[in-house]
Amino acid sequence: MTAIAKLLRSTAFKISAAYLVVAAIGAGLVLARAGWHVEQLMDAQIARTVNSDVVDLVDQYQDGGITQLVQAVQHRSEQPGAGLYLLTTHAGEPIAGNIARLPPGVLAEPGLVETDYLRDGETSGRHRALARIVALTGGFRLLVGHDIDEALRLRRIFAGALVTSLIWLVIIGTVGGLWIARHVLRRVDAITAKSKTIVAGDLSGRLPLAGTGDELDRLVMNLNSMLDRISVLLTGIHEVSDNIAHDLKTPLTRLRSRAEQALQFANSPEDYRQALEKVIEESDALIRVFDALLMIARAEADAGPEGMVDFDVGGVARDVGELYEPLAEERGVALSLDIEPALILHGSRELIGQALANLVDNAFKYGALDAGERQAEVVLAAKRLGKMIEISVADRGPGIAPADHARVQERFVRLENSRSRPGSGLGLSLASAVARLHKGTLRFEDNHPGLRAVLALPSAATQPPKLAPPVKPAAVLQENHAGSAS
């Protein structure tokens, strides 16, 4: 395809051509209407002049008869720049006037007519006049007219201006349309070329911006944002695949090893029973990992409006606190709650409950047991800060280094001091995914000493609406066992 053909087939040129046609039609209508109005105005003015002469001459005929009328017509015909006058008998023979020739039958049509004529002294040529013919008593006929050659020339000038304007409009519009199409097509070609490199696998590439802020730039910015999100998701998929292959290889190998040991060394039903119990334990751990992955995928895929309701997140926090009270008593941990009333949130009550349970479970697992000589303490708090609701879980453990705050929110990430503890490294990933789903954030702060995990979520309303029914603590406990902590 040639460059011109490509330009002519571009959407920009087609739009420019459409505007050109509309503009040409509009300009033609405007000029034609203006010419018609000028012509009507001149015809009306000529008609008024002719009618005035006719009335005056008819009055003279009535006052002085044919003799006075002949004298008046002859006098007016001889004036410089005179109009057209002709007085004839009933047979059409001229009596007075300055018209030498008229087309046949013109005098037989009383009223206002447009006709050709020749003046006295002319033998050839063609003139045009607007005239009024009056039949007088006695069979005489009087013609009074005015030359309209000037009006015809003005009409031709308007017609020529219309044609010339349309020609120039087409030329300028076509050239302008080609220039616009070339300019737009150059930008589209640049975007297309970059898109091909991205499709070929270069996910780091981004579509070029012209910096004009027009609709193409806005589209490119949205597409680049979409590419950023796709790149992040693909990177996450690759990391998850690698982590699954790495982290699940050990429990699967251990599962197979225990099954082989049972087949080789078990000598009694009790030995087989113990081997089967260990196999079941390993299988349960694997199932919990996959359940946690499914829940993270569900949160990151956006649960949608059908799963979102208005609820009191403070009530969910209290339910999670009550759930962990027996465990706190068993381990000697001082668990305290500091929850404000009427903290209304719009979202998934189940996912928020699971995220809070993971944070509390982390605090018990790593913060409370590593408190050393200090009193093991976990504080679950919820309060409103402006338009945000912050739910925090604070402990007195060793905490997390600031450099690892973002890293611990990734899937299967476990710090060195936690590798000997049970867990899959998915709890904080789930909490982070739930925060993003609800347009919020998960951050970590120094509790001096210890760690403070803060889930910041946007508040739904200032007045409590009709709330969703509470979730049973048993359901939260079941979910927590399926996706617990990093």
Protein backbone atom coordinates (compact mmCIF):
# COMPACT_ATOMS: atom_id res chain seq x y z
CA MET A 1 0.00 0.00 0.00
CA THR A 2 1.41 3.40 -1.01
CA ALA A 3 1.80 6.24 1.48
CA ILE A 4 -1.00 8.28 -0.17
CA ALA A 5 -3.35 5.30 -0.20
CA LYS A 6 -2.56 4.70 3.47
CA LEU A 7 -3.34 8.34 4.26
CA LEU A 8 -6.59 8.25 2.26
CA ARG A 9 -7.74 5.12 4.10
CA SER A 10 -6.91 6.49 7.55
CA THR A 11 -9.69 7.36 9.97
CA ALA A 12 -8.30 10.87 10.46
CA PHE A 13 -8.57 11.62 6.74
CA LYS A 14 -12.06 10.15 6.54
CA ILE A 15 -13.17 12.35 9.44
CA SER A 16 -11.52 15.39 7.80
CA ALA A 17 -13.25 14.55 4.50
CA ALA A 18 -16.58 14.25 6.27
CA TYR A 19 -16.07 17.66 7.90
CA LEU A 20 -15.03 19.04 4.50
CA VAL A 21 -18.26 17.85 2.88
CA VAL A 22 -20.34 19.29 5.71
CA ALA A 23 -18.42 22.60 5.55
CA ALA A 24 -18.79 22.76 1.73
CA ILE A 25 -22.52 22.15 1.95
CA GLY A 26 -22.82 24.75 4.71
CA ALA A 27 -20.77 27.35 2.80
CA GLY A 28 -22.74 26.70 -0.39
CA LEU A 29 -26.04 27.13 1.40
CA VAL A 30 -24.87 30.34 3.08
CA LEU A 31 -23.60 31.92 -0.16
CA ALA A 32 -26.64 30.76 -2.13
CA ARG A 33 -28.96 32.14 0.51
CA ALA A 34 -27.09 35.45 0.62
CA GLY A 35 -27.22 35.75 -3.19
CA TRP A 36 -30.91 34.94 -3.22
CA HIS A 37 -31.60 37.60 -0.57
CA VAL A 38 -29.61 40.25 -2.51
CA GLU A 39 -31.47 39.36 -5.71
CA GLN A 40 -34.83 39.53 -3.95
CA LEU A 41 -33.90 42.88 -2.42
CA MET A 42 -32.89 44.37 -5.77
CA ASP A 43 -35.99 42.98 -7.52
CA ALA A 44 -38.19 44.46 -4.80
CA GLN A 45 -36.47 47.85 -5.11
CA ILE A 46 -36.84 47.83 -8.91
CA ALA A 47 -40.47 46.76 -8.59
CA ARG A 48 -41.17 49.66 -6.21
CA THR A 49 -39.55 52.16 -8.62
CA VAL A 50 -41.48 50.77 -11.59
CA ASN A 51 -44.77 50.78 -9.70
CA SER A 52 -44.20 54.39 -8.62
CA ASP A 53 -43.63 55.44 -12.29
CA VAL A 54 -46.68 53.50 -13.41
CA VAL A 55 -48.94 55.15 -10.84
CA ASP A 56 -47.64 58.61 -11.78
CA LEU A 57 -48.10 58.04 -15.52
CA VAL A 58 -51.59 56.57 -15.08
CA ASP A 59 -52.55 59.64 -13.05
CA GLN A 60 -51.34 61.92 -15.85
CA TYR A 61 -53.31 59.91 -18.41
CA GLN A 62 -56.43 60.26 -16.32
CA ASP A 63 -55.84 64.00 -15.89
CA GLY A 64 -54.78 64.99 -19.43
CA GLY A 65 -55.57 62.09 -21.66
CA ILE A 66 -53.33 60.42 -24.18
CA THR A 67 -51.63 63.67 -25.23
CA GLN A 68 -50.33 64.45 -21.75
CA LEU A 69 -49.30 60.81 -21.31
CA VAL A 70 -47.31 60.85 -24.57
CA GLN A 71 -45.53 64.02 -23.53
CA ALA A 72 -44.67 62.56 -20.08
CA VAL A 73 -43.40 59.28 -21.52
CA GLN A 74 -41.31 61.09 -24.13
CA HIS A 75 -39.87 63.45 -21.56
CA ARG A 76 -38.87 60.66 -19.17
CA SER A 77 -37.40 58.57 -21.97
CA GLU A 78 -35.02 61.34 -22.92
CA GLN A 79 -33.61 61.82 -19.40
CA PRO A 80 -30.01 60.56 -18.74
CA GLY A 81 -30.04 57.14 -17.11
CA ALA A 82 -33.77 56.89 -17.78
CA GLY A 83 -35.71 53.75 -17.20
CA LEU A 84 -37.59 51.89 -19.90
CA TYR A 85 -40.82 53.33 -21.28
CA LEU A 86 -43.10 52.32 -24.12
CA LEU A 87 -46.61 53.47 -25.04
CA THR A 88 -48.42 51.58 -27.83
CA THR A 89 -51.79 51.43 -29.49
CA HIS A 90 -54.10 48.49 -29.09
CA ALA A 91 -52.44 47.00 -32.21
CA GLY A 92 -48.99 47.24 -30.61
CA GLU A 93 -47.72 50.17 -32.69
CA PRO A 94 -45.25 52.37 -30.72
CA ILE A 95 -46.41 55.90 -29.86
CA ALA A 96 -43.66 57.04 -27.51
CA GLY A 97 -40.78 55.59 -25.48
CA ASN A 98 -37.20 54.42 -25.73
CA ILE A 99 -37.65 50.72 -26.49
CA ALA A 100 -36.98 49.60 -30.04
CA ARG A 101 -37.80 45.90 -29.80
CA LEU A 102 -39.51 43.43 -27.50
CA PRO A 103 -40.09 39.69 -27.81
CA PRO A 104 -43.48 38.86 -29.36
CA GLY A 105 -46.42 38.61 -26.99
CA VAL A 106 -44.83 40.50 -24.08
CA LEU A 107 -47.36 43.39 -24.25
CA ALA A 108 -50.22 40.93 -24.17
CA GLU A 109 -49.38 39.90 -20.57
CA PRO A 110 -50.38 42.66 -18.14
CA GLY A 111 -48.51 42.68 -14.87
CA LEU A 112 -44.87 42.38 -13.80
CA VAL A 113 -42.69 40.48 -16.28
CA GLU A 114 -39.00 39.87 -16.90
CA THR A 115 -38.14 40.24 -20.57
CA ASP A 116 -35.42 40.90 -23.14
CA TYR A 117 -35.35 44.25 -24.99
CA LEU A 118 -33.40 46.58 -27.28
CA ARG A 119 -33.20 50.34 -26.74
CA ASP A 120 -33.70 52.90 -29.46
CA GLY A 121 -30.64 53.19 -31.65
CA GLU A 122 -29.46 49.59 -30.97
CA THR A 123 -29.51 46.95 -33.68
CA SER A 124 -28.01 44.04 -31.77
CA GLY A 125 -27.26 42.95 -28.30
CA ARG A 126 -29.26 41.57 -25.49
CA HIS A 127 -30.54 43.34 -22.41
CA ARG A 128 -32.78 42.17 -19.65
CA ALA A 129 -35.41 44.19 -17.86
CA LEU A 130 -38.06 43.92 -15.19
CA ALA A 131 -41.17 45.70 -16.48
CA ARG A 132 -44.79 46.30 -15.66
CA ILE A 133 -47.42 46.38 -18.41
CA VAL A 134 -50.68 48.29 -17.86
CA ALA A 135 -53.71 48.19 -20.14
CA LEU A 136 -55.26 51.71 -20.39
CA THR A 137 -58.74 52.70 -21.47
CA GLY A 138 -58.95 53.14 -25.21
CA GLY A 139 -56.86 50.03 -25.86
CA PHE A 140 -53.54 51.72 -25.16
CA ARG A 141 -50.80 49.75 -23.41
CA LEU A 142 -48.12 51.27 -21.20
CA LEU A 143 -44.80 49.50 -20.36
CA VAL A 144 -42.60 50.86 -17.60
CA GLY A 145 -39.43 48.92 -16.71
CA HIS A 146 -35.93 48.98 -15.36
CA ASP A 147 -32.76 47.34 -16.67
CA ILE A 148 -31.58 44.42 -14.51
CA ASP A 149 -28.27 43.71 -16.20
CA GLU A 150 -26.50 44.91 -13.06
CA ALA A 151 -28.52 42.49 -10.96
CA LEU A 152 -27.70 39.67 -13.36
CA ARG A 153 -24.01 40.53 -13.21
CA LEU A 154 -24.22 40.52 -9.42
CA ARG A 155 -25.93 37.12 -9.59
CA ARG A 156 -23.12 35.79 -11.77
CA ILE A 157 -20.57 37.26 -9.35
CA PHE A 158 -22.24 35.42 -6.47
CA ALA A 159 -22.36 32.18 -8.49
CA GLY A 160 -18.69 32.55 -9.41
CA ALA A 161 -17.78 33.32 -5.79
CA LEU A 162 -19.70 30.25 -4.68
CA VAL A 163 -17.93 27.97 -7.15
CA THR A 164 -14.51 29.51 -6.45
CA SER A 165 -15.04 29.26 -2.68
CA LEU A 166 -16.06 25.63 -2.93
CA ILE A 167 -13.05 24.81 -5.10
CA TRP A 168 -10.66 26.49 -2.67
CA LEU A 169 -12.47 24.88 0.25
CA VAL A 170 -12.02 21.45 -1.33
CA ILE A 171 -8.34 22.09 -2.08
CA ILE A 172 -7.53 23.50 1.37
CA GLY A 173 -9.66 20.91 3.11
CA THR A 174 -8.03 18.04 1.21
CA VAL A 175 -4.51 19.31 1.91
CA GLY A 176 -5.41 19.97 5.56
CA GLY A 177 -7.01 16.55 5.85
CA LEU A 178 -3.92 14.87 4.44
CA TRP A 179 -1.69 16.82 6.83
CA ILE A 180 -3.86 15.95 9.82
CA ALA A 181 -4.04 12.31 8.72
CA ARG A 182 -0.27 12.18 8.30
CA HIS A 183 0.28 13.74 11.73
CA VAL A 184 -2.15 11.39 13.45
CA LEU A 185 -0.97 8.40 11.43
CA ARG A 186 2.63 9.07 12.44
CA ARG A 187 1.60 8.87 16.10
CA VAL A 188 -0.53 5.77 15.49
CA ASP A 189 2.34 4.11 13.61
CA ALA A 190 4.67 4.83 16.53
CA ILE A 191 2.14 3.31 18.93
CA THR A 192 1.65 0.31 16.61
CA ALA A 193 5.39 -0.27 16.28
CA LYS A 194 5.83 -0.20 20.05
CA SER A 195 2.82 -2.48 20.50
CA LYS A 196 4.44 -5.06 18.22
CA THR A 197 7.55 -5.12 20.40
CA ILE A 198 5.36 -5.59 23.47
CA VAL A 199 3.40 -8.39 21.79
CA ALA A 200 6.74 -9.98 20.85
CA GLY A 201 7.54 -10.29 24.56
CA ASP A 202 9.13 -7.01 25.65
CA LEU A 203 6.77 -6.30 28.56
CA SER A 204 9.04 -3.53 29.81
CA GLY A 205 8.17 -1.37 26.78
CA ARG A 206 5.54 1.36 27.00
CA LEU A 207 3.58 3.21 24.34
CA PRO A 208 5.01 6.66 23.47
CA LEU A 209 3.31 9.85 24.69
CA ALA A 210 3.22 13.01 22.55
CA GLY A 211 2.76 15.25 25.59
CA THR A 212 -0.23 17.09 24.07
CA GLY A 213 -2.75 15.80 26.59
CA ASP A 214 -5.25 15.00 23.82
CA GLU A 215 -7.47 11.93 23.57
CA LEU A 216 -4.65 9.83 22.07
CA ASP A 217 -2.38 10.72 24.99
CA ARG A 218 -5.14 9.86 27.46
CA LEU A 219 -5.70 6.53 25.71
CA VAL A 220 -1.96 5.80 25.71
CA MET A 221 -1.70 6.63 29.43
CA ASN A 222 -4.55 4.23 30.22
CA LEU A 223 -2.97 1.53 28.06
CA ASN A 224 0.40 2.05 29.76
CA SER A 225 -1.30 1.75 33.15
CA MET A 226 -2.91 -1.47 31.96
CA LEU A 227 0.50 -2.73 30.77
CA ASP A 228 2.00 -1.86 34.15
CA ARG A 229 -0.70 -3.89 35.87
CA ILE A 230 -0.29 -6.80 33.43
CA SER A 231 3.48 -6.74 33.97
CA VAL A 232 3.02 -6.84 37.74
CA LEU A 233 0.54 -9.72 37.47
CA LEU A 234 2.77 -11.70 35.11
CA THR A 235 5.76 -11.13 37.37
CA GLY A 236 3.63 -12.34 40.27
CA ILE A 237 2.58 -15.42 38.31
CA HIS A 238 6.19 -16.25 37.49
CA GLU A 239 7.26 -15.73 41.09
CA VAL A 240 4.36 -17.80 42.40
CA SER A 241 5.15 -20.59 39.95
CA ASP A 242 8.78 -20.60 41.00
CA ASN A 243 7.88 -20.43 44.69
CA ILE A 244 5.33 -23.22 44.39
CA ALA A 245 7.83 -25.41 42.57
CA HIS A 246 10.47 -24.67 45.21
CA ASP A 247 8.42 -24.61 48.43
CA LEU A 248 6.14 -27.56 47.63
CA LYS A 249 8.93 -29.81 46.46
CA THR A 250 10.16 -30.38 50.02
CA PRO A 251 6.79 -31.43 51.57
CA LEU A 252 5.98 -33.60 48.56
CA THR A 253 9.38 -35.27 48.79
CA ARG A 254 8.87 -35.76 52.53
CA LEU A 255 5.41 -37.20 51.88
CA ARG A 256 6.80 -39.70 49.38
CA SER A 257 9.70 -40.57 51.68
CA ARG A 258 7.42 -41.36 54.60
CA ALA A 259 5.23 -43.53 52.39
CA GLU A 260 8.32 -45.46 51.19
CA GLN A 261 9.58 -45.86 54.77
CA ALA A 262 6.23 -47.26 55.80
CA LEU A 263 6.33 -49.80 52.98
CA GLN A 264 9.93 -50.82 53.77
CA PHE A 265 10.19 -50.74 57.55
CA ALA A 266 6.68 -50.95 59.05
CA ASN A 267 6.19 -54.28 60.80
CA SER A 268 2.92 -53.80 62.62
CA PRO A 269 -0.47 -52.13 62.17
CA GLU A 270 0.63 -49.46 64.63
CA ASP A 271 3.63 -48.58 62.45
CA TYR A 272 1.36 -48.27 59.42
CA ARG A 273 -1.07 -46.16 61.42
CA GLN A 274 1.66 -43.72 62.50
CA ALA A 275 2.95 -43.50 58.91
CA LEU A 276 -0.56 -42.77 57.61
CA GLU A 277 -1.08 -40.09 60.26
CA LYS A 278 2.14 -38.34 59.18
CA VAL A 279 1.07 -38.60 55.53
CA ILE A 280 -2.28 -37.05 56.40
CA GLU A 281 -0.54 -34.30 58.35
CA GLU A 282 1.68 -33.45 55.36
CA SER A 283 -1.35 -33.59 53.02
CA ASP A 284 -3.28 -31.20 55.28
CA ALA A 285 -0.36 -28.77 55.18
CA LEU A 286 -0.36 -28.89 51.38
CA ILE A 287 -4.13 -28.37 51.26
CA ARG A 288 -3.79 -25.32 53.53
CA VAL A 289 -1.19 -23.86 51.17
CA PHE A 290 -3.42 -24.31 48.16
CA ASP A 291 -6.46 -22.94 50.03
CA ALA A 292 -4.45 -19.85 50.93
CA LEU A 293 -3.36 -19.43 47.30
CA LEU A 294 -6.96 -19.70 46.12
CA MET A 295 -8.07 -17.10 48.64
CA ILE A 296 -5.30 -14.70 47.56
CA ALA A 297 -6.27 -15.22 43.92
CA ARG A 298 -9.90 -14.51 44.79
CA ALA A 299 -8.96 -11.29 46.59
CA GLU A 300 -6.67 -10.09 43.79
CA ALA A 301 -9.29 -10.91 41.15
CA ASP A 302 -11.74 -8.52 42.91
CA ALA A 303 -14.72 -10.16 44.58
CA GLY A 304 -17.07 -7.76 42.75
CA PRO A 305 -20.01 -5.73 44.08
CA GLU A 306 -22.11 -8.83 44.72
CA GLY A 307 -19.73 -9.84 47.51
CA MET A 308 -19.56 -6.39 49.08
CA VAL A 309 -21.80 -5.23 51.93
CA ASP A 310 -21.78 -2.53 54.60
CA PHE A 311 -20.72 -3.92 57.97
CA ASP A 312 -19.18 -2.89 61.28
CA VAL A 313 -15.52 -3.85 60.97
CA GLY A 314 -15.13 -3.23 64.71
CA GLY A 315 -17.48 -6.16 65.31
CA VAL A 316 -15.33 -8.36 63.09
CA ALA A 317 -12.23 -7.31 65.04
CA ARG A 318 -13.96 -8.16 68.34
CA ASP A 319 -14.96 -11.59 66.96
CA VAL A 320 -11.34 -12.28 65.99
CA GLY A 321 -10.19 -11.16 69.45
CA GLU A 322 -12.68 -13.49 71.13
CA LEU A 323 -11.51 -16.29 68.87
CA TYR A 324 -7.92 -15.95 70.08
CA GLU A 325 -8.68 -15.43 73.79
CA PRO A 326 -8.39 -19.16 74.64
CA LEU A 327 -5.05 -19.36 72.81
CA ALA A 328 -3.84 -16.25 74.64
CA GLU A 329 -4.71 -17.76 78.02
CA GLU A 330 -3.03 -21.03 77.04
CA ARG A 331 0.23 -19.30 76.02
CA GLY A 332 0.20 -16.62 78.71
CA VAL A 333 -0.19 -13.74 76.27
CA ALA A 334 -1.89 -10.53 77.36
CA LEU A 335 -4.43 -9.98 74.55
CA SER A 336 -6.22 -6.60 74.72
CA LEU A 337 -8.75 -4.90 72.45
CA ASP A 338 -9.10 -1.17 71.76
CA ILE A 339 -11.98 -0.84 69.27
CA GLU A 340 -14.10 2.24 68.56
CA PRO A 341 -17.84 1.77 67.90
CA ALA A 342 -19.62 2.14 64.53
CA LEU A 343 -16.66 1.65 62.20
CA ILE A 344 -18.64 1.12 58.99
CA LEU A 345 -16.82 -0.42 56.04
CA HIS A 346 -18.05 -1.47 52.60
CA GLY A 347 -16.44 -4.70 51.52
CA SER A 348 -16.15 -8.43 52.08
CA ARG A 349 -16.67 -9.27 55.74
CA GLU A 350 -15.25 -12.76 55.24
CA LEU A 351 -12.00 -11.56 53.64
CA ILE A 352 -11.49 -8.77 56.18
CA GLY A 353 -11.99 -11.29 58.99
CA GLN A 354 -9.48 -13.65 57.41
CA ALA A 355 -6.90 -10.87 57.00
CA LEU A 356 -7.27 -9.80 60.66
CA ALA A 357 -7.03 -13.41 61.81
CA ASN A 358 -3.78 -13.79 59.84
CA LEU A 359 -2.31 -10.65 61.41
CA VAL A 360 -3.25 -11.78 64.93
CA ASP A 361 -1.94 -15.29 64.24
CA ASN A 362 1.36 -13.76 63.08
CA ALA A 363 1.58 -11.72 66.27
CA PHE A 364 1.04 -14.83 68.40
CA LYS A 365 3.40 -16.96 66.31
CA TYR A 366 6.37 -14.60 66.03
CA GLY A 367 5.81 -11.63 68.34
CA ALA A 368 4.43 -13.17 71.52
CA LEU A 369 6.77 -16.17 71.64
CA ASP A 370 9.86 -14.06 70.94
CA ALA A 371 9.16 -11.45 73.59
CA GLY A 372 12.03 -12.80 75.73
CA GLU A 373 11.94 -11.51 79.29
CA ARG A 374 9.28 -8.95 78.40
CA GLN A 375 5.61 -9.61 79.01
CA ALA A 376 4.11 -11.26 75.91
CA GLU A 377 1.46 -8.82 74.74
CA VAL A 378 -0.77 -8.44 71.65
CA VAL A 379 -3.01 -5.40 71.13
CA LEU A 380 -5.80 -5.44 68.54
CA ALA A 381 -7.05 -1.88 67.90
CA ALA A 382 -9.50 -0.30 65.45
CA LYS A 383 -10.20 3.43 65.08
CA ARG A 384 -11.29 6.06 62.59
CA LEU A 385 -8.76 8.57 61.20
CA GLY A 386 -10.52 11.04 58.91
CA LYS A 387 -12.00 9.09 56.02
CA MET A 388 -9.94 5.99 56.82
CA ILE A 389 -10.42 3.15 59.28
CA GLU A 390 -7.18 1.74 60.70
CA ILE A 391 -7.08 -1.72 62.26
CA SER A 392 -3.76 -2.55 63.90
CA VAL A 393 -2.21 -5.60 65.54
CA ALA A 394 0.80 -4.80 67.76
CA ASP A 395 3.16 -7.21 69.55
CA ARG A 396 6.38 -6.99 71.62
CA GLY A 397 8.50 -9.37 69.55
CA PRO A 398 11.68 -8.75 67.53
CA GLY A 399 9.74 -7.03 64.71
CA ILE A 400 10.69 -6.84 61.04
CA ALA A 401 13.50 -4.77 59.58
CA PRO A 402 12.21 -1.80 57.49
CA ALA A 403 14.00 -3.20 54.42
CA ASP A 404 11.80 -6.33 54.64
CA HIS A 405 8.42 -4.57 55.07
CA ALA A 406 7.51 -4.82 51.37
CA ARG A 407 9.17 -8.19 50.89
CA VAL A 408 7.19 -10.02 53.57
CA GLN A 409 3.95 -9.21 51.69
CA GLU A 410 5.04 -11.36 48.75
CA ARG A 411 3.93 -14.97 48.45
CA PHE A 412 6.01 -17.71 50.12
CA VAL A 413 8.46 -15.20 51.61
CA ARG A 414 9.69 -16.29 55.05
CA LEU A 415 12.43 -14.47 56.91
CA GLU A 416 15.43 -16.32 58.29
CA ASN A 417 14.21 -16.23 61.92
CA SER A 418 10.87 -17.79 60.96
CA ARG A 419 11.94 -20.69 58.77
CA SER A 420 11.93 -23.09 61.74
CA ARG A 421 8.32 -22.16 62.59
CA PRO A 422 5.26 -23.76 60.98
CA GLY A 423 3.70 -21.74 58.18
CA SER A 424 3.63 -21.26 54.43
CA GLY A 425 4.57 -17.58 53.93
CA LEU A 426 1.11 -16.69 52.58
CA GLY A 427 -0.65 -15.00 55.51
CA LEU A 428 0.66 -11.47 54.94
CA SER A 429 0.24 -11.90 51.17
CA LEU A 430 -3.45 -12.55 51.73
CA ALA A 431 -3.79 -9.57 54.07
CA SER A 432 -2.07 -7.33 51.50
CA ALA A 433 -4.33 -8.62 48.69
CA VAL A 434 -7.44 -7.98 50.81
CA ALA A 435 -6.22 -4.43 51.51
CA ARG A 436 -5.76 -3.74 47.78
CA LEU A 437 -9.19 -5.19 47.01
CA HIS A 438 -10.76 -2.68 49.43
CA LYS A 439 -8.69 0.27 48.06
CA GLY A 440 -6.60 0.29 51.22
CA THR A 441 -3.06 -0.50 52.29
CA LEU A 442 -1.17 -2.80 54.64
CA ARG A 443 1.86 -1.22 56.33
CA PHE A 444 4.23 -2.11 59.13
CA GLU A 445 5.54 0.16 61.89
CA ASP A 446 8.01 -0.13 64.75
CA ASN A 447 6.19 -0.75 68.04
CA HIS A 448 9.29 0.06 70.17
CA PRO A 449 9.85 -2.83 70.65
CA GLY A 450 7.95 -5.18 68.41
CA LEU A 451 5.91 -4.88 65.25
CA ARG A 452 2.71 -2.99 64.54
CA ALA A 453 0.80 -4.17 61.43
CA VAL A 454 -1.78 -1.62 60.24
CA LEU A 455 -4.62 -2.36 57.83
CA ALA A 456 -5.86 1.06 56.56
CA LEU A 457 -9.21 0.93 54.73
CA PRO A 458 -11.54 3.71 53.45
CA SER A 459 -14.63 4.26 55.55
CA ALA A 460 -18.01 3.56 53.89
CA ALA A 461 -20.25 6.15 55.61
CA THR A 462 -20.49 8.51 58.55
CA GLN A 463 -23.87 7.11 59.61
CA PRO A 464 -24.29 3.37 60.27
CA PRO A 465 -26.48 1.81 57.55
CA LYS A 466 -28.33 -1.46 57.76
CA LEU A 467 -25.49 -3.85 58.53
CA ALA A 468 -24.80 -7.32 57.21
CA PRO A 469 -25.35 -10.26 59.59
CA PRO A 470 -22.27 -11.19 61.65
CA VAL A 471 -19.94 -14.00 60.63
CA LYS A 472 -19.70 -16.85 63.12
CA PRO A 473 -16.31 -17.05 64.87
CA ALA A 474 -16.07 -20.72 63.91
CA ALA A 475 -16.07 -19.75 60.23
CA VAL A 476 -13.22 -17.30 60.80
CA LEU A 477 -11.27 -19.96 62.72
CA GLN A 478 -11.74 -22.45 59.87
CA GLU A 479 -10.54 -19.92 57.30
CA ASN A 480 -7.59 -18.96 59.51
CA HIS A 481 -6.44 -22.57 59.69
CA ALA A 482 -6.63 -22.73 55.90
CA GLY A 483 -4.50 -19.63 55.16
CA SER A 484 -2.44 -18.70 58.17
CA ALA A 485 0.54 -16.62 58.46
CA SER A 486 3.90 -16.01 57.03
